[in-house]
Structures are given as C-alpha cells and as structure tokens.
PDB file of N, CA and C in Angstrom:
ATOM      1  N   MET A   1      81.696  68.648 109.880  1.00  0.00           N
ATOM      2  CA  MET A   1      80.862  69.509 109.043  1.00  0.00           C
ATOM      3  C   MET A   1      81.443  69.541 107.663  1.00  0.00           C
ATOM      4  N   SER A   2      80.623  69.405 106.717  1.00  0.00           N
ATOM      5  CA  SER A   2      81.106  69.364 105.335  1.00  0.00           C
ATOM      6  C   SER A   2      81.301  70.803 104.811  1.00  0.00           C
ATOM      7  N   LYS A   3      82.082  70.926 103.769  1.00  0.00           N
ATOM      8  CA  LYS A   3      82.352  72.238 103.225  1.00  0.00           C
ATOM      9  C   LYS A   3      81.130  72.866 102.549  1.00  0.00           C
ATOM     10  N   PHE A   4      80.110  72.056 102.282  1.00  0.00           N
ATOM     11  CA  PHE A   4      78.910  72.594 101.633  1.00  0.00           C
ATOM     12  C   PHE A   4      78.111  73.478 102.607  1.00  0.00           C
ATOM     13  N   PHE A   5      78.279  73.270 103.909  1.00  0.00           N
ATOM     14  CA  PHE A   5      77.470  74.069 104.861  1.00  0.00           C
ATOM     15  C   PHE A   5      78.278  75.254 105.391  1.00  0.00           C
ATOM     16  N   TYR A   6      79.523  75.439 104.961  1.00  0.00           N
ATOM     17  CA  TYR A   6      80.360  76.547 105.397  1.00  0.00           C
ATOM     18  C   TYR A   6      79.883  77.797 104.668  1.00  0.00           C
ATOM     19  N   LYS A   7      79.602  78.879 105.417  1.00  0.00           N
ATOM     20  CA  LYS A   7      79.051  80.057 104.819  1.00  0.00           C
ATOM     21  C   LYS A   7      80.107  81.065 104.408  1.00  0.00           C
ATOM     22  N   GLY A   8      81.338  80.986 104.905  1.00  0.00           N
ATOM     23  CA  GLY A   8      82.381  81.928 104.543  1.00  0.00           C
ATOM     24  C   GLY A   8      83.302  81.344 103.477  1.00  0.00           C
ATOM     25  N   ARG A   9      84.365  82.094 103.204  1.00  0.00           N
ATOM     26  CA  ARG A   9      85.358  81.587 102.244  1.00  0.00           C
ATOM     27  C   ARG A   9      86.400  80.813 102.984  1.00  0.00           C
ATOM     28  N   ILE A  10      86.823  79.704 102.387  1.00  0.00           N
ATOM     29  CA  ILE A  10      87.856  78.869 103.004  1.00  0.00           C
ATOM     30  C   ILE A  10      89.189  79.473 102.793  1.00  0.00           C
ATOM     31  N   GLU A  11      89.511  79.938 101.601  1.00  0.00           N
ATOM     32  CA  GLU A  11      90.786  80.541 101.372  1.00  0.00           C
ATOM     33  C   GLU A  11      90.585  82.048 101.054  1.00  0.00           C
ATOM     34  N   THR A  12      91.612  82.840 101.293  1.00  0.00           N
ATOM     35  CA  THR A  12      91.475  84.279 101.073  1.00  0.00           C
ATOM     36  C   THR A  12      91.540  84.578  99.556  1.00  0.00           C
ATOM     37  N   ARG A  13      90.934  85.676  99.195  1.00  0.00           N
ATOM     38  CA  ARG A  13      90.911  86.082  97.802  1.00  0.00           C
ATOM     39  C   ARG A  13      92.257  86.744  97.487  1.00  0.00           C
ATOM     40  N   GLU A  14      92.759  86.465  96.294  1.00  0.00           N
ATOM     41  CA  GLU A  14      94.090  87.013  95.909  1.00  0.00           C
ATOM     42  C   GLU A  14      94.091  88.536  95.919  1.00  0.00           C
ATOM     43  N   GLN A  15      92.959  89.179  95.601  1.00  0.00           N
ATOM     44  CA  GLN A  15      92.909  90.631  95.537  1.00  0.00           C
ATOM     45  C   GLN A  15      93.176  91.258  96.905  1.00  0.00           C
ATOM     46  N   THR A  16      92.684  90.709  97.958  1.00  0.00           N
ATOM     47  CA  THR A  16      92.754  91.319  99.203  1.00  0.00           C
ATOM     48  C   THR A  16      93.980  91.023 100.019  1.00  0.00           C
ATOM     49  N   LYS A  17      94.853  90.185  99.551  1.00  0.00           N
ATOM     50  CA  LYS A  17      96.084  89.861 100.337  1.00  0.00           C
ATOM     51  C   LYS A  17      97.046  91.023 100.488  1.00  0.00           C
ATOM     52  N   GLY A  18      97.086  91.869  99.461  1.00  0.00           N
ATOM     53  CA  GLY A  18      98.098  92.994  99.472  1.00  0.00           C
ATOM     54  C   GLY A  18      97.606  94.215 100.083  1.00  0.00           C
ATOM     55  N   PHE A  19      96.356  94.279 100.578  1.00  0.00           N
ATOM     56  CA  PHE A  19      95.813  95.532 101.147  1.00  0.00           C
ATOM     57  C   PHE A  19      96.118  95.630 102.624  1.00  0.00           C
ATOM     58  N   GLY A  20      95.958  96.780 103.160  1.00  0.00           N
ATOM     59  CA  GLY A  20      96.175  96.995 104.610  1.00  0.00           C
ATOM     60  C   GLY A  20      97.457  97.744 104.882  1.00  0.00           C
ATOM     61  N   TYR A  21      97.929  97.615 106.080  1.00  0.00           N
ATOM     62  CA  TYR A  21      99.144  98.353 106.519  1.00  0.00           C
ATOM     63  C   TYR A  21     100.321  97.805 105.757  1.00  0.00           C
ATOM     64  N   ASN A  22     101.141  98.678 105.190  1.00  0.00           N
ATOM     65  CA  ASN A  22     102.278  98.293 104.358  1.00  0.00           C
ATOM     66  C   ASN A  22     103.477  98.038 105.263  1.00  0.00           C
ATOM     67  N   THR A  23     103.746  96.763 105.480  1.00  0.00           N
ATOM     68  CA  THR A  23     104.882  96.396 106.281  1.00  0.00           C
ATOM     69  C   THR A  23     106.183  96.281 105.485  1.00  0.00           C
ATOM     70  N   LYS A  24     106.119  96.338 104.180  1.00  0.00           N
ATOM     71  CA  LYS A  24     107.295  96.183 103.339  1.00  0.00           C
ATOM     72  C   LYS A  24     107.825  97.575 102.854  1.00  0.00           C
ATOM     73  N   ARG A  25     107.363  98.626 103.465  1.00  0.00           N
ATOM     74  CA  ARG A  25     107.824  99.942 103.001  1.00  0.00           C
ATOM     75  C   ARG A  25     109.275 100.126 103.355  1.00  0.00           C
ATOM     76  N   ALA A  26     109.954 100.952 102.535  1.00  0.00           N
ATOM     77  CA  ALA A  26     111.333 101.257 102.789  1.00  0.00           C
ATOM     78  C   ALA A  26     111.383 102.421 103.758  1.00  0.00           C
ATOM     79  N   ALA A  27     112.298 102.355 104.709  1.00  0.00           N
ATOM     80  CA  ALA A  27     112.434 103.428 105.691  1.00  0.00           C
ATOM     81  C   ALA A  27     113.151 104.607 104.990  1.00  0.00           C
ATOM     82  N   LYS A  28     112.700 105.795 105.310  1.00  0.00           N
ATOM     83  CA  LYS A  28     113.236 107.001 104.663  1.00  0.00           C
ATOM     84  C   LYS A  28     114.609 107.246 105.204  1.00  0.00           C
ATOM     85  N   LEU A  29     115.531 107.541 104.297  1.00  0.00           N
ATOM     86  CA  LEU A  29     116.910 107.774 104.648  1.00  0.00           C
ATOM     87  C   LEU A  29     117.034 109.048 105.466  1.00  0.00           C
ATOM     88  N   GLY A  30     117.832 109.002 106.558  1.00  0.00           N
ATOM     89  CA  GLY A  30     118.005 110.214 107.382  1.00  0.00           C
ATOM     90  C   GLY A  30     117.090 110.239 108.596  1.00  0.00           C
ATOM     91  N   THR A  31     116.388 109.130 108.878  1.00  0.00           N
ATOM     92  CA  THR A  31     115.508 109.019 110.044  1.00  0.00           C
ATOM     93  C   THR A  31     116.185 108.088 111.054  1.00  0.00           C
ATOM     94  N   VAL A  32     115.500 107.899 112.172  1.00  0.00           N
ATOM     95  CA  VAL A  32     116.033 107.053 113.241  1.00  0.00           C
ATOM     96  C   VAL A  32     116.140 105.569 112.733  1.00  0.00           C
ATOM     97  N   ASP A  33     115.145 105.165 111.951  1.00  0.00           N
ATOM     98  CA  ASP A  33     115.149 103.804 111.415  1.00  0.00           C
ATOM     99  C   ASP A  33     116.260 103.545 110.450  1.00  0.00           C
ATOM    100  N   SER A  34     116.615 104.575 109.647  1.00  0.00           N
ATOM    101  CA  SER A  34     117.666 104.418 108.612  1.00  0.00           C
ATOM    102  C   SER A  34     118.530 105.694 108.608  1.00  0.00           C
ATOM    103  N   PRO A  35     119.490 105.757 109.523  1.00  0.00           N
ATOM    104  CA  PRO A  35     120.350 106.980 109.568  1.00  0.00           C
ATOM    105  C   PRO A  35     121.336 107.035 108.438  1.00  0.00           C
ATOM    106  N   LEU A  36     121.781 108.230 108.145  1.00  0.00           N
ATOM    107  CA  LEU A  36     122.835 108.451 107.143  1.00  0.00           C
ATOM    108  C   LEU A  36     124.158 107.932 107.702  1.00  0.00           C
ATOM    109  N   VAL A  37     125.025 107.417 106.877  1.00  0.00           N
ATOM    110  CA  VAL A  37     126.355 106.943 107.349  1.00  0.00           C
ATOM    111  C   VAL A  37     127.374 107.918 106.710  1.00  0.00           C
ATOM    112  N   LEU A  38     128.052 108.645 107.608  1.00  0.00           N
ATOM    113  CA  LEU A  38     129.017 109.641 107.168  1.00  0.00           C
ATOM    114  C   LEU A  38     130.399 109.397 107.770  1.00  0.00           C
ATOM    115  N   VAL A  39     131.464 109.704 107.049  1.00  0.00           N
ATOM    116  CA  VAL A  39     132.834 109.548 107.545  1.00  0.00           C
ATOM    117  C   VAL A  39     133.493 110.976 107.411  1.00  0.00           C
ATOM    118  N   VAL A  40     134.061 111.433 108.495  1.00  0.00           N
ATOM    119  CA  VAL A  40     134.748 112.712 108.504  1.00  0.00           C
ATOM    120  C   VAL A  40     136.165 112.562 109.049  1.00  0.00           C
ATOM    121  N   ASN A  41     137.021 113.545 108.762  1.00  0.00           N
ATOM    122  CA  ASN A  41     138.435 113.422 109.083  1.00  0.00           C
ATOM    123  C   ASN A  41     138.830 114.111 110.391  1.00  0.00           C
ATOM    124  N   SER A  42     138.117 115.181 110.787  1.00  0.00           N
ATOM    125  CA  SER A  42     138.536 115.947 111.940  1.00  0.00           C
ATOM    126  C   SER A  42     137.332 116.209 112.891  1.00  0.00           C
ATOM    127  N   PRO A  43     137.635 116.470 114.144  1.00  0.00           N
ATOM    128  CA  PRO A  43     136.527 116.768 115.082  1.00  0.00           C
ATOM    129  C   PRO A  43     135.813 118.093 114.747  1.00  0.00           C
ATOM    130  N   GLU A  44     136.561 119.058 114.189  1.00  0.00           N
ATOM    131  CA  GLU A  44     135.920 120.300 113.790  1.00  0.00           C
ATOM    132  C   GLU A  44     134.896 120.097 112.667  1.00  0.00           C
ATOM    133  N   ARG A  45     135.285 119.250 111.725  1.00  0.00           N
ATOM    134  CA  ARG A  45     134.331 118.934 110.603  1.00  0.00           C
ATOM    135  C   ARG A  45     133.109 118.207 111.146  1.00  0.00           C
ATOM    136  N   LYS A  46     133.346 117.323 112.168  1.00  0.00           N
ATOM    137  CA  LYS A  46     132.219 116.608 112.759  1.00  0.00           C
ATOM    138  C   LYS A  46     131.215 117.551 113.400  1.00  0.00           C
ATOM    139  N   VAL A  47     131.722 118.595 114.055  1.00  0.00           N
ATOM    140  CA  VAL A  47     130.843 119.589 114.651  1.00  0.00           C
ATOM    141  C   VAL A  47     130.087 120.329 113.590  1.00  0.00           C
ATOM    142  N   GLU A  48     130.718 120.690 112.455  1.00  0.00           N
ATOM    143  CA  GLU A  48     130.025 121.339 111.345  1.00  0.00           C
ATOM    144  C   GLU A  48     128.899 120.484 110.789  1.00  0.00           C
ATOM    145  N   ILE A  49     129.201 119.221 110.587  1.00  0.00           N
ATOM    146  CA  ILE A  49     128.206 118.265 110.059  1.00  0.00           C
ATOM    147  C   ILE A  49     127.060 118.118 110.993  1.00  0.00           C
ATOM    148  N   GLU A  50     127.340 118.019 112.297  1.00  0.00           N
ATOM    149  CA  GLU A  50     126.262 117.894 113.293  1.00  0.00           C
ATOM    150  C   GLU A  50     125.361 119.086 113.301  1.00  0.00           C
ATOM    151  N   ALA A  51     125.943 120.296 113.088  1.00  0.00           N
ATOM    152  CA  ALA A  51     125.097 121.516 113.021  1.00  0.00           C
ATOM    153  C   ALA A  51     124.196 121.475 111.799  1.00  0.00           C
ATOM    154  N   ILE A  52     124.727 121.011 110.676  1.00  0.00           N
ATOM    155  CA  ILE A  52     123.902 120.896 109.445  1.00  0.00           C
ATOM    156  C   ILE A  52     122.795 119.877 109.640  1.00  0.00           C
ATOM    157  N   LEU A  53     123.101 118.769 110.268  1.00  0.00           N
ATOM    158  CA  LEU A  53     122.087 117.743 110.505  1.00  0.00           C
ATOM    159  C   LEU A  53     120.960 118.259 111.443  1.00  0.00           C
ATOM    160  N   GLU A  54     121.366 118.971 112.472  1.00  0.00           N
ATOM    161  CA  GLU A  54     120.381 119.523 113.389  1.00  0.00           C
ATOM    162  C   GLU A  54     119.492 120.566 112.700  1.00  0.00           C
ATOM    163  N   GLU A  55     120.100 121.349 111.829  1.00  0.00           N
ATOM    164  CA  GLU A  55     119.336 122.401 111.106  1.00  0.00           C
ATOM    165  C   GLU A  55     118.276 121.774 110.223  1.00  0.00           C
ATOM    166  N   HIS A  56     118.582 120.657 109.569  1.00  0.00           N
ATOM    167  CA  HIS A  56     117.668 120.037 108.618  1.00  0.00           C
ATOM    168  C   HIS A  56     116.934 118.868 109.199  1.00  0.00           C
ATOM    169  N   ALA A  57     117.010 118.622 110.507  1.00  0.00           N
ATOM    170  CA  ALA A  57     116.339 117.565 111.272  1.00  0.00           C
ATOM    171  C   ALA A  57     116.574 116.194 110.607  1.00  0.00           C
ATOM    172  N   LEU A  58     117.845 115.902 110.433  1.00  0.00           N
ATOM    173  CA  LEU A  58     118.274 114.593 109.910  1.00  0.00           C
ATOM    174  C   LEU A  58     119.039 113.835 110.990  1.00  0.00           C
ATOM    175  N   VAL A  59     119.083 112.511 110.833  1.00  0.00           N
ATOM    176  CA  VAL A  59     119.778 111.648 111.800  1.00  0.00           C
ATOM    177  C   VAL A  59     120.910 110.946 111.025  1.00  0.00           C
ATOM    178  N   ALA A  60     122.104 110.918 111.637  1.00  0.00           N
ATOM    179  CA  ALA A  60     123.233 110.307 110.943  1.00  0.00           C
ATOM    180  C   ALA A  60     124.210 109.654 111.992  1.00  0.00           C
ATOM    181  N   ASP A  61     124.889 108.602 111.502  1.00  0.00           N
ATOM    182  CA  ASP A  61     125.961 108.000 112.272  1.00  0.00           C
ATOM    183  C   ASP A  61     127.239 108.565 111.685  1.00  0.00           C
ATOM    184  N   ILE A  62     127.926 109.388 112.479  1.00  0.00           N
ATOM    185  CA  ILE A  62     129.189 110.043 112.013  1.00  0.00           C
ATOM    186  C   ILE A  62     130.372 109.314 112.573  1.00  0.00           C
ATOM    187  N   GLU A  63     131.235 108.820 111.675  1.00  0.00           N
ATOM    188  CA  GLU A  63     132.440 108.122 112.069  1.00  0.00           C
ATOM    189  C   GLU A  63     133.617 109.078 111.904  1.00  0.00           C
ATOM    190  N   LEU A  64     134.417 109.232 112.944  1.00  0.00           N
ATOM    191  CA  LEU A  64     135.602 110.079 112.931  1.00  0.00           C
ATOM    192  C   LEU A  64     136.801 109.217 112.619  1.00  0.00           C
ATOM    193  N   ASN A  65     137.379 109.330 111.435  1.00  0.00           N
ATOM    194  CA  ASN A  65     138.518 108.537 111.004  1.00  0.00           C
ATOM    195  C   ASN A  65     139.467 109.437 110.229  1.00  0.00           C
ATOM    196  N   SER A  66     140.602 109.746 110.801  1.00  0.00           N
ATOM    197  CA  SER A  66     141.552 110.648 110.166  1.00  0.00           C
ATOM    198  C   SER A  66     142.254 110.022 108.997  1.00  0.00           C
ATOM    199  N   GLU A  67     142.333 108.724 108.928  1.00  0.00           N
ATOM    200  CA  GLU A  67     143.017 108.041 107.837  1.00  0.00           C
ATOM    201  C   GLU A  67     142.165 107.777 106.613  1.00  0.00           C
ATOM    202  N   ALA A  68     140.898 107.656 106.805  1.00  0.00           N
ATOM    203  CA  ALA A  68     140.012 107.384 105.656  1.00  0.00           C
ATOM    204  C   ALA A  68     139.630 108.687 104.962  1.00  0.00           C
ATOM    205  N   GLN A  69     139.163 108.536 103.731  1.00  0.00           N
ATOM    206  CA  GLN A  69     138.740 109.691 102.929  1.00  0.00           C
ATOM    207  C   GLN A  69     137.369 110.127 103.412  1.00  0.00           C
ATOM    208  N   GLU A  70     137.193 111.457 103.471  1.00  0.00           N
ATOM    209  CA  GLU A  70     135.862 111.999 103.880  1.00  0.00           C
ATOM    210  C   GLU A  70     134.764 111.585 102.933  1.00  0.00           C
ATOM    211  N   ASN A  71     133.617 111.080 103.516  1.00  0.00           N
ATOM    212  CA  ASN A  71     132.518 110.627 102.680  1.00  0.00           C
ATOM    213  C   ASN A  71     131.252 111.192 103.282  1.00  0.00           C
ATOM    214  N   ILE A  72     130.744 112.259 102.703  1.00  0.00           N
ATOM    215  CA  ILE A  72     129.455 112.847 103.111  1.00  0.00           C
ATOM    216  C   ILE A  72     128.524 112.943 101.928  1.00  0.00           C
ATOM    217  N   VAL A  73     128.627 112.010 101.001  1.00  0.00           N
ATOM    218  CA  VAL A  73     127.816 112.003  99.777  1.00  0.00           C
ATOM    219  C   VAL A  73     126.368 111.822 100.113  1.00  0.00           C
ATOM    220  N   ALA A  74     126.037 111.003 101.110  1.00  0.00           N
ATOM    221  CA  ALA A  74     124.648 110.754 101.471  1.00  0.00           C
ATOM    222  C   ALA A  74     124.009 112.010 102.022  1.00  0.00           C
ATOM    223  N   LEU A  75     124.746 112.809 102.763  1.00  0.00           N
ATOM    224  CA  LEU A  75     124.190 114.070 103.309  1.00  0.00           C
ATOM    225  C   LEU A  75     123.990 115.069 102.179  1.00  0.00           C
ATOM    226  N   GLU A  76     124.967 115.195 101.241  1.00  0.00           N
ATOM    227  CA  GLU A  76     124.828 116.110 100.127  1.00  0.00           C
ATOM    228  C   GLU A  76     123.657 115.730  99.224  1.00  0.00           C
ATOM    229  N   THR A  77     123.396 114.483  99.118  1.00  0.00           N
ATOM    230  CA  THR A  77     122.305 113.978  98.296  1.00  0.00           C
ATOM    231  C   THR A  77     120.959 114.379  98.949  1.00  0.00           C
ATOM    232  N   MET A  78     120.855 114.258 100.267  1.00  0.00           N
ATOM    233  CA  MET A  78     119.617 114.614 100.963  1.00  0.00           C
ATOM    234  C   MET A  78     119.392 116.115 100.923  1.00  0.00           C
ATOM    235  N   LEU A  79     120.454 116.910 100.964  1.00  0.00           N
ATOM    236  CA  LEU A  79     120.298 118.381 100.996  1.00  0.00           C
ATOM    237  C   LEU A  79     120.009 118.959  99.600  1.00  0.00           C
ATOM    238  N   ASN A  80     120.524 118.299  98.571  1.00  0.00           N
ATOM    239  CA  ASN A  80     120.369 118.808  97.204  1.00  0.00           C
ATOM    240  C   ASN A  80     119.474 117.976  96.325  1.00  0.00           C
ATOM    241  N   LYS A  81     118.303 117.646  96.896  1.00  0.00           N
ATOM    242  CA  LYS A  81     117.369 116.840  96.108  1.00  0.00           C
ATOM    243  C   LYS A  81     116.855 117.722  94.925  1.00  0.00           C
ATOM    244  N   PRO A  82     116.653 117.072  93.777  1.00  0.00           N
ATOM    245  CA  PRO A  82     116.143 117.893  92.687  1.00  0.00           C
ATOM    246  C   PRO A  82     114.705 118.324  92.924  1.00  0.00           C
ATOM    247  N   LYS A  83     114.391 119.513  92.515  1.00  0.00           N
ATOM    248  CA  LYS A  83     113.064 120.066  92.647  1.00  0.00           C
ATOM    249  C   LYS A  83     112.162 119.594  91.494  1.00  0.00           C
ATOM    250  N   THR A  84     110.891 119.528  91.771  1.00  0.00           N
ATOM    251  CA  THR A  84     109.965 119.130  90.707  1.00  0.00           C
ATOM    252  C   THR A  84     109.812 120.281  89.755  1.00  0.00           C
ATOM    253  N   THR A  85     109.938 119.975  88.463  1.00  0.00           N
ATOM    254  CA  THR A  85     109.793 120.999  87.442  1.00  0.00           C
ATOM    255  C   THR A  85     108.353 121.120  87.063  1.00  0.00           C
ATOM    256  N   THR A  86     107.919 122.389  86.948  1.00  0.00           N
ATOM    257  CA  THR A  86     106.535 122.609  86.490  1.00  0.00           C
ATOM    258  C   THR A  86     106.618 123.445  85.248  1.00  0.00           C
ATOM    259  N   PHE A  87     105.753 123.126  84.319  1.00  0.00           N
ATOM    260  CA  PHE A  87     105.696 123.799  83.047  1.00  0.00           C
ATOM    261  C   PHE A  87     104.420 124.644  82.960  1.00  0.00           C
ATOM    262  N   GLU A  88     104.518 125.676  82.172  1.00  0.00           N
ATOM    263  CA  GLU A  88     103.307 126.471  81.971  1.00  0.00           C
ATOM    264  C   GLU A  88     102.272 125.621  81.206  1.00  0.00           C
ATOM    265  N   LYS A  89     101.054 125.895  81.467  1.00  0.00           N
ATOM    266  CA  LYS A  89      99.998 125.197  80.769  1.00  0.00           C
ATOM    267  C   LYS A  89      99.988 125.663  79.319  1.00  0.00           C
ATOM    268  N   THR A  90      99.753 124.740  78.423  1.00  0.00           N
ATOM    269  CA  THR A  90      99.717 125.112  77.019  1.00  0.00           C
ATOM    270  C   THR A  90      98.476 125.973  76.753  1.00  0.00           C
ATOM    271  N   PRO A  91      98.648 126.954  75.909  1.00  0.00           N
ATOM    272  CA  PRO A  91      97.540 127.876  75.677  1.00  0.00           C
ATOM    273  C   PRO A  91      96.333 127.191  75.004  1.00  0.00           C
ATOM    274  N   ASN A  92      95.195 127.790  75.151  1.00  0.00           N
ATOM    275  CA  ASN A  92      93.993 127.285  74.427  1.00  0.00           C
ATOM    276  C   ASN A  92      94.170 127.552  72.926  1.00  0.00           C
ATOM    277  N   ARG A  93      93.299 126.942  72.146  1.00  0.00           N
ATOM    278  CA  ARG A  93      93.432 126.998  70.725  1.00  0.00           C
ATOM    279  C   ARG A  93      93.348 128.450  70.189  1.00  0.00           C
ATOM    280  N   ASN A  94      92.502 129.267  70.761  1.00  0.00           N
ATOM    281  CA  ASN A  94      92.304 130.615  70.217  1.00  0.00           C
ATOM    282  C   ASN A  94      93.174 131.682  70.896  1.00  0.00           C
ATOM    283  N   ASP A  95      94.033 131.289  71.820  1.00  0.00           N
ATOM    284  CA  ASP A  95      94.948 132.245  72.457  1.00  0.00           C
ATOM    285  C   ASP A  95      96.104 132.576  71.506  1.00  0.00           C
ATOM    286  N   PRO A  96      96.744 133.735  71.705  1.00  0.00           N
ATOM    287  CA  PRO A  96      97.889 134.019  70.854  1.00  0.00           C
ATOM    288  C   PRO A  96      99.008 133.046  71.118  1.00  0.00           C
ATOM    289  N   CYS A  97      99.782 132.738  70.093  1.00  0.00           N
ATOM    290  CA  CYS A  97     100.885 131.780  70.203  1.00  0.00           C
ATOM    291  C   CYS A  97     101.990 132.300  71.078  1.00  0.00           C
ATOM    292  N   LEU A  98     102.678 131.347  71.760  1.00  0.00           N
ATOM    293  CA  LEU A  98     103.768 131.706  72.669  1.00  0.00           C
ATOM    294  C   LEU A  98     105.043 132.119  71.913  1.00  0.00           C
ATOM    295  N   CYS A  99     105.172 131.738  70.653  1.00  0.00           N
ATOM    296  CA  CYS A  99     106.400 132.016  69.947  1.00  0.00           C
ATOM    297  C   CYS A  99     106.478 133.499  69.507  1.00  0.00           C
ATOM    298  N   GLY A 100     105.342 134.247  69.637  1.00  0.00           N
ATOM    299  CA  GLY A 100     105.393 135.656  69.314  1.00  0.00           C
ATOM    300  C   GLY A 100     105.115 135.981  67.877  1.00  0.00           C
ATOM    301  N   SER A 101     104.549 135.064  67.096  1.00  0.00           N
ATOM    302  CA  SER A 101     104.265 135.292  65.693  1.00  0.00           C
ATOM    303  C   SER A 101     103.011 136.159  65.503  1.00  0.00           C
ATOM    304  N   GLY A 102     102.132 136.252  66.484  1.00  0.00           N
ATOM    305  CA  GLY A 102     100.913 137.024  66.354  1.00  0.00           C
ATOM    306  C   GLY A 102      99.732 136.210  65.879  1.00  0.00           C
ATOM    307  N   LYS A 103      99.975 134.989  65.506  1.00  0.00           N
ATOM    308  CA  LYS A 103      98.930 134.097  65.003  1.00  0.00           C
ATOM    309  C   LYS A 103      98.256 133.440  66.220  1.00  0.00           C
ATOM    310  N   LYS A 104      97.104 132.819  65.950  1.00  0.00           N
ATOM    311  CA  LYS A 104      96.469 132.030  66.976  1.00  0.00           C
ATOM    312  C   LYS A 104      97.339 130.771  67.170  1.00  0.00           C
ATOM    313  N   TYR A 105      97.249 130.191  68.378  1.00  0.00           N
ATOM    314  CA  TYR A 105      98.046 128.994  68.724  1.00  0.00           C
ATOM    315  C   TYR A 105      97.659 127.829  67.837  1.00  0.00           C
ATOM    316  N   LYS A 106      96.372 127.701  67.485  1.00  0.00           N
ATOM    317  CA  LYS A 106      95.929 126.562  66.690  1.00  0.00           C
ATOM    318  C   LYS A 106      96.441 126.593  65.289  1.00  0.00           C
ATOM    319  N   LYS A 107      96.816 127.763  64.772  1.00  0.00           N
ATOM    320  CA  LYS A 107      97.321 127.934  63.387  1.00  0.00           C
ATOM    321  C   LYS A 107      98.838 128.025  63.345  1.00  0.00           C
ATOM    322  N   CYS A 108      99.489 128.117  64.511  1.00  0.00           N
ATOM    323  CA  CYS A 108     100.925 128.270  64.481  1.00  0.00           C
ATOM    324  C   CYS A 108     101.647 127.016  65.025  1.00  0.00           C
ATOM    325  N   CYS A 109     101.700 126.884  66.293  1.00  0.00           N
ATOM    326  CA  CYS A 109     102.537 125.843  66.924  1.00  0.00           C
ATOM    327  C   CYS A 109     101.779 124.574  67.359  1.00  0.00           C
ATOM    328  N   ALA A 110     100.477 124.578  67.203  1.00  0.00           N
ATOM    329  CA  ALA A 110      99.665 123.434  67.711  1.00  0.00           C
ATOM    330  C   ALA A 110      99.524 122.274  66.694  1.00  0.00           C
ATOM    331  N   LYS A 111     100.256 122.382  65.610  1.00  0.00           N
ATOM    332  CA  LYS A 111     100.119 121.398  64.512  1.00  0.00           C
ATOM    333  C   LYS A 111     100.385 120.055  64.932  1.00  0.00           C
TER     334      LYS A 111
END
C-alpha cells in the first residue's frame, strides 16, 4: 500500500511528544522514593531524630556513626522551608497614600 492511501500520520507531531504522564519528574525529598540521608553520633540522638521525622511524616535513612560528624542538614532544610511572602495590594489611584502624607496615591507615590 502506498503512502498516498494512508489516512493517518506516519510520524508523530513534535507538539504532542511531551504531553501525558510525566515520567521524568523528580521525586520529592523525604518520601519513600527519595529518603533523607542523615548521620548521627549517638543512639539517643537517633531516637530524637526519628521522633521529629514521625511528627512531620518524613522518611529518612539514619546512619549511626560515632566517629563521623553529625549531618542533619537535609532534615533542617525540609523543616525550615522559606514561606511565601505576600505583599499588600497597591492602593487604587484615588485612595489615600500609604506613606501618610494625606494626598491621594496618584499624586504622591504612584509617579
């Protein structure tokens, strides 16, 4: 059968190749797929870290090594994520200015 009688597309369109289920996504740190890697020095500290992990529903591989330096940077990073900053909406043109001058916003700080 010749290609002139083929009713569909022979090759896929470039636009549609990237759509669908994302198989190249990065696994979120602290989950079963990508656990945190922590190093602690004592069994007591390991129990403390396990309690923190359970409280925040995180998964980690904890290595107990008394000779190595303690490394829980990954856990501290997960617990102290920066919050999204929100700003107040700028006032409308005829609202009083935020600087307290008493003028309208359009004549004071909106220049």
